[in-house]
Amino acid sequence: MATVLSFLSFFGILIGLTSVVFPLRFLYIRNRKAGSIVLAVSVVTFLPAAAIDGARQQAAALQEQTTPVPTPKSPAELAGELCKASGAIPNCREVLTRQIAEDRAHPKSPEVAATVVTPSGSCKTDWRRCSSNAELVNSFDDIGYGSVSCLYAAKKLAKYGTPSFPFLSFSDFRSDSDFVRTGVATLVEPNAEFQNGFGAMAHTIVTCKYDLASHRVVDLSID
């Protein structure tokens, strides 16, 4: 089910991206605002579906790796099997039983494997590696999830009509706090438009605080 949902959500993202530029009227997406809504809903749906798919794949891989370990045979049992062959040496069972027991009591030291140095992460994949707010916003791959989450949260707060946002929304940020130290990025959209009680679209600044560790919006203000 999650795989089908992931595919449909990804297809919805493609439709949303296309409709933001060229509204697909044959799909009843008559304007760019509707395209933006389709894009936001598809992205928010795609993220948990992709997470479920990943968890299922990891569980399947773990199940394949977990195989029962056979119980080792005793020295006497192994000696008995080996001594069934024709031409066995005299006192075969006693000799092999003693030899197998000694080998198990004094195993050979394993060869020392070469040390594998795992390269450290970078700001591109780990926000904790970023050196500044600017590097985090400009280089961290998953900061786009924060922008989409802020966009979705802001649209839910609209009291009248559907708010309007630029194509690349929440690409600005405030440097009043250390994102890497606090784990919270303050993203800003200075060019949003919200409809007021009189039906007019008013220029609005939206400030969104996004938790980088839990991947969720923790605060949102509309000025």
C-alpha atoms as a PDB file:
ATOM      1  CA  MET A   1       0.000   0.000   0.000  1.00  0.00           C
ATOM      2  CA  ALA A   2       2.790   2.401   0.947  1.00  0.00           C
ATOM      3  CA  THR A   3       4.594   1.684  -2.339  1.00  0.00           C
ATOM      4  CA  VAL A   4       1.503   2.599  -4.349  1.00  0.00           C
ATOM      5  CA  LEU A   5       1.018   5.710  -2.209  1.00  0.00           C
ATOM      6  CA  SER A   6       4.660   6.712  -2.754  1.00  0.00           C
ATOM      7  CA  PHE A   7       4.250   6.368  -6.521  1.00  0.00           C
ATOM      8  CA  LEU A   8       1.009   8.359  -6.571  1.00  0.00           C
ATOM      9  CA  SER A   9       2.503  11.066  -4.346  1.00  0.00           C
ATOM     10  CA  PHE A  10       5.598  11.310  -6.549  1.00  0.00           C
ATOM     11  CA  PHE A  11       3.365  11.551  -9.615  1.00  0.00           C
ATOM     12  CA  GLY A  12       1.405  14.274  -7.826  1.00  0.00           C
ATOM     13  CA  ILE A  13       4.649  16.171  -7.168  1.00  0.00           C
ATOM     14  CA  LEU A  14       5.456  16.110 -10.891  1.00  0.00           C
ATOM     15  CA  ILE A  15       1.959  17.330 -11.724  1.00  0.00           C
ATOM     16  CA  GLY A  16       2.203  20.046  -9.053  1.00  0.00           C
ATOM     17  CA  LEU A  17       5.576  21.290 -10.311  1.00  0.00           C
ATOM     18  CA  THR A  18       4.274  21.407 -13.873  1.00  0.00           C
ATOM     19  CA  SER A  19       1.035  23.117 -12.863  1.00  0.00           C
ATOM     20  CA  VAL A  20       2.854  25.857 -10.964  1.00  0.00           C
ATOM     21  CA  VAL A  21       4.383  26.919 -14.278  1.00  0.00           C
ATOM     22  CA  PHE A  22       1.706  25.741 -16.733  1.00  0.00           C
ATOM     23  CA  PRO A  23      -1.695  24.975 -15.134  1.00  0.00           C
ATOM     24  CA  LEU A  24      -3.006  21.613 -16.379  1.00  0.00           C
ATOM     25  CA  ARG A  25      -6.609  22.535 -17.026  1.00  0.00           C
ATOM     26  CA  PHE A  26      -7.486  19.072 -18.315  1.00  0.00           C
ATOM     27  CA  LEU A  27      -6.749  17.814 -14.780  1.00  0.00           C
ATOM     28  CA  TYR A  28      -8.975  20.574 -13.323  1.00  0.00           C
ATOM     29  CA  ILE A  29      -5.919  22.492 -12.121  1.00  0.00           C
ATOM     30  CA  ARG A  30      -7.048  25.859 -13.443  1.00  0.00           C
ATOM     31  CA  ASN A  31      -4.438  28.178 -11.968  1.00  0.00           C
ATOM     32  CA  ARG A  32      -1.021  28.257 -10.338  1.00  0.00           C
ATOM     33  CA  LYS A  33      -2.476  28.476  -6.846  1.00  0.00           C
ATOM     34  CA  ALA A  34      -4.200  25.144  -7.342  1.00  0.00           C
ATOM     35  CA  GLY A  35      -0.939  23.737  -8.666  1.00  0.00           C
ATOM     36  CA  SER A  36       0.860  24.909  -5.525  1.00  0.00           C
ATOM     37  CA  ILE A  37      -1.720  23.170  -3.345  1.00  0.00           C
ATOM     38  CA  VAL A  38      -1.348  19.918  -5.305  1.00  0.00           C
ATOM     39  CA  LEU A  39       2.439  20.177  -4.961  1.00  0.00           C
ATOM     40  CA  ALA A  40       2.360  20.810  -1.200  1.00  0.00           C
ATOM     41  CA  VAL A  41      -0.125  18.013  -0.457  1.00  0.00           C
ATOM     42  CA  SER A  42       1.799  15.555  -2.648  1.00  0.00           C
ATOM     43  CA  VAL A  43       5.111  16.332  -0.964  1.00  0.00           C
ATOM     44  CA  VAL A  44       3.654  16.017   2.546  1.00  0.00           C
ATOM     45  CA  THR A  45       2.047  12.683   1.565  1.00  0.00           C
ATOM     46  CA  PHE A  46       5.200  11.401  -0.133  1.00  0.00           C
ATOM     47  CA  LEU A  47       7.463  11.838   2.915  1.00  0.00           C
ATOM     48  CA  PRO A  48       5.698   9.433   5.339  1.00  0.00           C
ATOM     49  CA  ALA A  49       4.996   6.931   2.540  1.00  0.00           C
ATOM     50  CA  ALA A  50       8.676   6.884   1.589  1.00  0.00           C
ATOM     51  CA  ALA A  51       9.606   6.445   5.255  1.00  0.00           C
ATOM     52  CA  ILE A  52       7.259   3.448   5.574  1.00  0.00           C
ATOM     53  CA  ASP A  53       8.734   1.886   2.421  1.00  0.00           C
ATOM     54  CA  GLY A  54      12.251   2.333   3.779  1.00  0.00           C
ATOM     55  CA  ALA A  55      11.321   0.781   7.125  1.00  0.00           C
ATOM     56  CA  ARG A  56       9.771  -2.231   5.402  1.00  0.00           C
ATOM     57  CA  GLN A  57      12.840  -2.746   3.222  1.00  0.00           C
ATOM     58  CA  GLN A  58      15.132  -2.569   6.254  1.00  0.00           C
ATOM     59  CA  ALA A  59      12.953  -5.061   8.139  1.00  0.00           C
ATOM     60  CA  ALA A  60      13.009  -7.464   5.172  1.00  0.00           C
ATOM     61  CA  ALA A  61      16.793  -7.170   4.852  1.00  0.00           C
ATOM     62  CA  LEU A  62      17.227  -7.781   8.587  1.00  0.00           C
ATOM     63  CA  GLN A  63      14.998 -10.841   8.418  1.00  0.00           C
ATOM     64  CA  GLU A  64      17.060 -12.265   5.547  1.00  0.00           C
ATOM     65  CA  GLN A  65      20.281 -11.716   7.468  1.00  0.00           C
ATOM     66  CA  THR A  66      18.947 -13.333  10.654  1.00  0.00           C
ATOM     67  CA  THR A  67      19.377 -17.053   9.990  1.00  0.00           C
ATOM     68  CA  PRO A  68      19.457 -19.722  12.689  1.00  0.00           C
ATOM     69  CA  VAL A  69      22.987 -20.734  13.721  1.00  0.00           C
ATOM     70  CA  PRO A  70      23.388 -24.517  13.652  1.00  0.00           C
ATOM     71  CA  THR A  71      24.448 -26.141  16.918  1.00  0.00           C
ATOM     72  CA  PRO A  72      28.094 -27.274  16.628  1.00  0.00           C
ATOM     73  CA  LYS A  73      28.660 -30.991  16.825  1.00  0.00           C
ATOM     74  CA  SER A  74      30.729 -32.476  19.622  1.00  0.00           C
ATOM     75  CA  PRO A  75      34.279 -33.740  18.915  1.00  0.00           C
ATOM     76  CA  ALA A  76      33.076 -37.347  19.290  1.00  0.00           C
ATOM     77  CA  GLU A  77      30.285 -36.861  16.733  1.00  0.00           C
ATOM     78  CA  LEU A  78      32.628 -35.254  14.204  1.00  0.00           C
ATOM     79  CA  ALA A  79      35.209 -37.994  14.726  1.00  0.00           C
ATOM     80  CA  GLY A  80      32.554 -40.664  14.218  1.00  0.00           C
ATOM     81  CA  GLU A  81      31.501 -39.152  10.866  1.00  0.00           C
ATOM     82  CA  LEU A  82      35.090 -38.836   9.626  1.00  0.00           C
ATOM     83  CA  CYS A  83      36.029 -42.369  10.670  1.00  0.00           C
ATOM     84  CA  LYS A  84      33.212 -43.947   8.625  1.00  0.00           C
ATOM     85  CA  ALA A  85      35.345 -43.663   5.501  1.00  0.00           C
ATOM     86  CA  SER A  86      37.173 -46.743   4.306  1.00  0.00           C
ATOM     87  CA  GLY A  87      40.861 -47.049   5.152  1.00  0.00           C
ATOM     88  CA  ALA A  88      40.516 -45.190   8.427  1.00  0.00           C
ATOM     89  CA  ILE A  89      43.520 -45.199  10.698  1.00  0.00           C
ATOM     90  CA  PRO A  90      43.637 -47.492  13.747  1.00  0.00           C
ATOM     91  CA  ASN A  91      41.895 -46.042  16.809  1.00  0.00           C
ATOM     92  CA  CYS A  92      40.487 -43.413  14.461  1.00  0.00           C
ATOM     93  CA  ARG A  93      37.657 -42.275  16.719  1.00  0.00           C
ATOM     94  CA  GLU A  94      39.849 -41.805  19.797  1.00  0.00           C
ATOM     95  CA  VAL A  95      42.625 -40.011  17.890  1.00  0.00           C
ATOM     96  CA  LEU A  96      40.331 -37.580  16.039  1.00  0.00           C
ATOM     97  CA  THR A  97      38.189 -36.891  19.115  1.00  0.00           C
ATOM     98  CA  ARG A  98      41.296 -35.822  21.048  1.00  0.00           C
ATOM     99  CA  GLN A  99      42.623 -33.746  18.112  1.00  0.00           C
ATOM    100  CA  ILE A 100      39.318 -31.923  17.514  1.00  0.00           C
ATOM    101  CA  ALA A 101      38.978 -31.163  21.231  1.00  0.00           C
ATOM    102  CA  GLU A 102      42.497 -29.714  21.329  1.00  0.00           C
ATOM    103  CA  ASP A 103      41.866 -27.578  18.240  1.00  0.00           C
ATOM    104  CA  ARG A 104      38.729 -26.120  19.814  1.00  0.00           C
ATOM    105  CA  ALA A 105      40.501 -25.481  23.107  1.00  0.00           C
ATOM    106  CA  HIS A 106      43.327 -23.601  21.379  1.00  0.00           C
ATOM    107  CA  PRO A 107      41.888 -21.877  18.307  1.00  0.00           C
ATOM    108  CA  LYS A 108      44.204 -20.100  15.908  1.00  0.00           C
ATOM    109  CA  SER A 109      44.401 -16.345  16.270  1.00  0.00           C
ATOM    110  CA  PRO A 110      42.421 -14.673  13.486  1.00  0.00           C
ATOM    111  CA  GLU A 111      44.268 -12.476  11.062  1.00  0.00           C
ATOM    112  CA  VAL A 112      44.069  -8.795  11.876  1.00  0.00           C
ATOM    113  CA  ALA A 113      41.852  -7.140   9.320  1.00  0.00           C
ATOM    114  CA  ALA A 114      42.902  -3.887   7.754  1.00  0.00           C
ATOM    115  CA  THR A 115      41.415  -0.872   9.498  1.00  0.00           C
ATOM    116  CA  VAL A 116      38.718   0.754   7.389  1.00  0.00           C
ATOM    117  CA  VAL A 117      38.476   4.485   7.932  1.00  0.00           C
ATOM    118  CA  THR A 118      34.942   5.731   7.420  1.00  0.00           C
ATOM    119  CA  PRO A 119      34.956   9.230   5.990  1.00  0.00           C
ATOM    120  CA  SER A 120      33.198  11.806   8.125  1.00  0.00           C
ATOM    121  CA  GLY A 121      29.934  13.316   6.960  1.00  0.00           C
ATOM    122  CA  SER A 122      29.575  16.711   5.367  1.00  0.00           C
ATOM    123  CA  CYS A 123      27.150  19.603   5.627  1.00  0.00           C
ATOM    124  CA  LYS A 124      25.475  18.321   2.471  1.00  0.00           C
ATOM    125  CA  THR A 125      24.155  15.234   4.252  1.00  0.00           C
ATOM    126  CA  ASP A 126      24.389  16.134   7.961  1.00  0.00           C
ATOM    127  CA  TRP A 127      23.269  19.555   9.221  1.00  0.00           C
ATOM    128  CA  ARG A 128      25.422  19.092  12.352  1.00  0.00           C
ATOM    129  CA  ARG A 129      28.508  19.363  10.119  1.00  0.00           C
ATOM    130  CA  CYS A 130      27.583  22.823   8.821  1.00  0.00           C
ATOM    131  CA  SER A 131      29.759  25.708   9.973  1.00  0.00           C
ATOM    132  CA  SER A 132      27.170  28.498   9.714  1.00  0.00           C
ATOM    133  CA  ASN A 133      23.508  29.250   9.127  1.00  0.00           C
ATOM    134  CA  ALA A 134      24.235  30.275   5.544  1.00  0.00           C
ATOM    135  CA  GLU A 135      26.067  27.037   4.760  1.00  0.00           C
ATOM    136  CA  LEU A 136      23.248  24.996   6.281  1.00  0.00           C
ATOM    137  CA  VAL A 137      20.531  26.737   4.244  1.00  0.00           C
ATOM    138  CA  ASN A 138      22.542  26.709   1.011  1.00  0.00           C
ATOM    139  CA  SER A 139      24.218  23.282   1.232  1.00  0.00           C
ATOM    140  CA  PHE A 140      22.150  20.901   3.381  1.00  0.00           C
ATOM    141  CA  ASP A 141      20.177  18.652   1.013  1.00  0.00           C
ATOM    142  CA  ASP A 142      17.134  18.136   3.247  1.00  0.00           C
ATOM    143  CA  ILE A 143      16.523  21.816   4.021  1.00  0.00           C
ATOM    144  CA  GLY A 144      13.967  21.659   1.203  1.00  0.00           C
ATOM    145  CA  TYR A 145      11.779  19.485   3.437  1.00  0.00           C
ATOM    146  CA  GLY A 146      11.772  22.339   5.935  1.00  0.00           C
ATOM    147  CA  SER A 147      10.656  24.830   3.285  1.00  0.00           C
ATOM    148  CA  VAL A 148       7.802  22.565   2.178  1.00  0.00           C
ATOM    149  CA  SER A 149       6.737  21.885   5.780  1.00  0.00           C
ATOM    150  CA  CYS A 150       6.687  25.620   6.522  1.00  0.00           C
ATOM    151  CA  LEU A 151       4.660  26.257   3.353  1.00  0.00           C
ATOM    152  CA  TYR A 152       2.097  23.628   4.318  1.00  0.00           C
ATOM    153  CA  ALA A 153       1.833  24.919   7.899  1.00  0.00           C
ATOM    154  CA  ALA A 154       1.399  28.513   6.718  1.00  0.00           C
ATOM    155  CA  LYS A 155      -1.409  27.610   4.330  1.00  0.00           C
ATOM    156  CA  LYS A 156      -3.242  25.825   7.138  1.00  0.00           C
ATOM    157  CA  LEU A 157      -3.262  29.076   9.148  1.00  0.00           C
ATOM    158  CA  ALA A 158      -4.961  31.092   6.400  1.00  0.00           C
ATOM    159  CA  LYS A 159      -8.338  32.403   7.624  1.00  0.00           C
ATOM    160  CA  TYR A 160      -9.642  33.603   4.265  1.00  0.00           C
ATOM    161  CA  GLY A 161      -9.113  32.136   0.809  1.00  0.00           C
ATOM    162  CA  THR A 162      -5.866  30.627  -0.392  1.00  0.00           C
ATOM    163  CA  PRO A 163      -2.595  32.447   0.325  1.00  0.00           C
ATOM    164  CA  SER A 164      -0.045  33.007  -2.431  1.00  0.00           C
ATOM    165  CA  PHE A 165       3.638  32.097  -2.179  1.00  0.00           C
ATOM    166  CA  PRO A 166       6.588  32.410  -4.581  1.00  0.00           C
ATOM    167  CA  PHE A 167       7.710  29.281  -6.434  1.00  0.00           C
ATOM    168  CA  LEU A 168      10.821  28.924  -4.236  1.00  0.00           C
ATOM    169  CA  SER A 169       9.282  29.839  -0.905  1.00  0.00           C
ATOM    170  CA  PHE A 170      11.016  30.093   2.490  1.00  0.00           C
ATOM    171  CA  SER A 171      14.459  30.390   0.912  1.00  0.00           C
ATOM    172  CA  ASP A 172      15.463  33.278   3.223  1.00  0.00           C
ATOM    173  CA  PHE A 173      16.550  32.876   6.830  1.00  0.00           C
ATOM    174  CA  ARG A 174      17.251  34.862   9.979  1.00  0.00           C
ATOM    175  CA  SER A 175      20.675  34.804  11.592  1.00  0.00           C
ATOM    176  CA  ASP A 176      19.539  35.748  15.102  1.00  0.00           C
ATOM    177  CA  SER A 177      20.365  32.246  16.393  1.00  0.00           C
ATOM    178  CA  ASP A 178      22.826  29.453  15.676  1.00  0.00           C
ATOM    179  CA  PHE A 179      20.897  26.805  13.716  1.00  0.00           C
ATOM    180  CA  VAL A 180      23.601  24.165  14.167  1.00  0.00           C
ATOM    181  CA  ARG A 181      23.806  24.677  17.938  1.00  0.00           C
ATOM    182  CA  THR A 182      20.057  24.877  18.591  1.00  0.00           C
ATOM    183  CA  GLY A 183      18.942  22.432  15.905  1.00  0.00           C
ATOM    184  CA  VAL A 184      16.183  24.847  14.867  1.00  0.00           C
ATOM    185  CA  ALA A 185      16.310  26.759  11.572  1.00  0.00           C
ATOM    186  CA  THR A 186      14.383  30.035  11.258  1.00  0.00           C
ATOM    187  CA  LEU A 187      13.142  30.244   7.654  1.00  0.00           C
ATOM    188  CA  VAL A 188      11.457  33.377   6.312  1.00  0.00           C
ATOM    189  CA  GLU A 189       9.178  34.068   3.358  1.00  0.00           C
ATOM    190  CA  PRO A 190       9.048  37.867   2.874  1.00  0.00           C
ATOM    191  CA  ASN A 191       6.841  37.868  -0.226  1.00  0.00           C
ATOM    192  CA  ALA A 192       3.753  35.921   0.798  1.00  0.00           C
ATOM    193  CA  GLU A 193       0.239  37.250   0.216  1.00  0.00           C
ATOM    194  CA  PHE A 194      -2.714  36.465   2.469  1.00  0.00           C
ATOM    195  CA  GLN A 195      -6.320  37.444   1.902  1.00  0.00           C
ATOM    196  CA  ASN A 196      -7.787  39.735   4.562  1.00  0.00           C
ATOM    197  CA  GLY A 197     -11.354  39.996   5.792  1.00  0.00           C
ATOM    198  CA  PHE A 198     -12.223  42.427   2.989  1.00  0.00           C
ATOM    199  CA  GLY A 199     -11.173  40.003   0.252  1.00  0.00           C
ATOM    200  CA  ALA A 200      -7.981  41.852  -0.692  1.00  0.00           C
ATOM    201  CA  MET A 201      -4.578  40.171  -0.921  1.00  0.00           C
ATOM    202  CA  ALA A 202      -2.132  41.747   1.533  1.00  0.00           C
ATOM    203  CA  HIS A 203       1.652  41.478   1.488  1.00  0.00           C
ATOM    204  CA  THR A 204       2.732  39.300   4.426  1.00  0.00           C
ATOM    205  CA  ILE A 205       5.993  38.149   6.008  1.00  0.00           C
ATOM    206  CA  VAL A 206       5.885  34.584   7.330  1.00  0.00           C
ATOM    207  CA  THR A 207       8.505  33.372   9.823  1.00  0.00           C
ATOM    208  CA  CYS A 208       8.807  29.637  10.397  1.00  0.00           C
ATOM    209  CA  LYS A 209      10.919  27.733  12.925  1.00  0.00           C
ATOM    210  CA  TYR A 210      11.755  24.218  11.731  1.00  0.00           C
ATOM    211  CA  ASP A 211      13.252  21.513  13.970  1.00  0.00           C
ATOM    212  CA  LEU A 212      16.032  19.850  11.963  1.00  0.00           C
ATOM    213  CA  ALA A 213      16.152  16.732  14.157  1.00  0.00           C
ATOM    214  CA  SER A 214      12.424  15.914  14.356  1.00  0.00           C
ATOM    215  CA  HIS A 215      11.604  17.295  10.871  1.00  0.00           C
ATOM    216  CA  ARG A 216       8.618  19.374  11.998  1.00  0.00           C
ATOM    217  CA  VAL A 217       7.520  22.981  12.326  1.00  0.00           C
ATOM    218  CA  VAL A 218       7.705  24.131  15.956  1.00  0.00           C
ATOM    219  CA  ASP A 219       6.583  27.756  15.541  1.00  0.00           C
ATOM    220  CA  LEU A 220       5.021  29.932  12.841  1.00  0.00           C
ATOM    221  CA  SER A 221       4.227  33.645  12.818  1.00  0.00           C
ATOM    222  CA  ILE A 222       2.470  35.747  10.177  1.00  0.00           C
ATOM    223  CA  ASP A 223       3.139  39.498  10.154  1.00  0.00           C
END
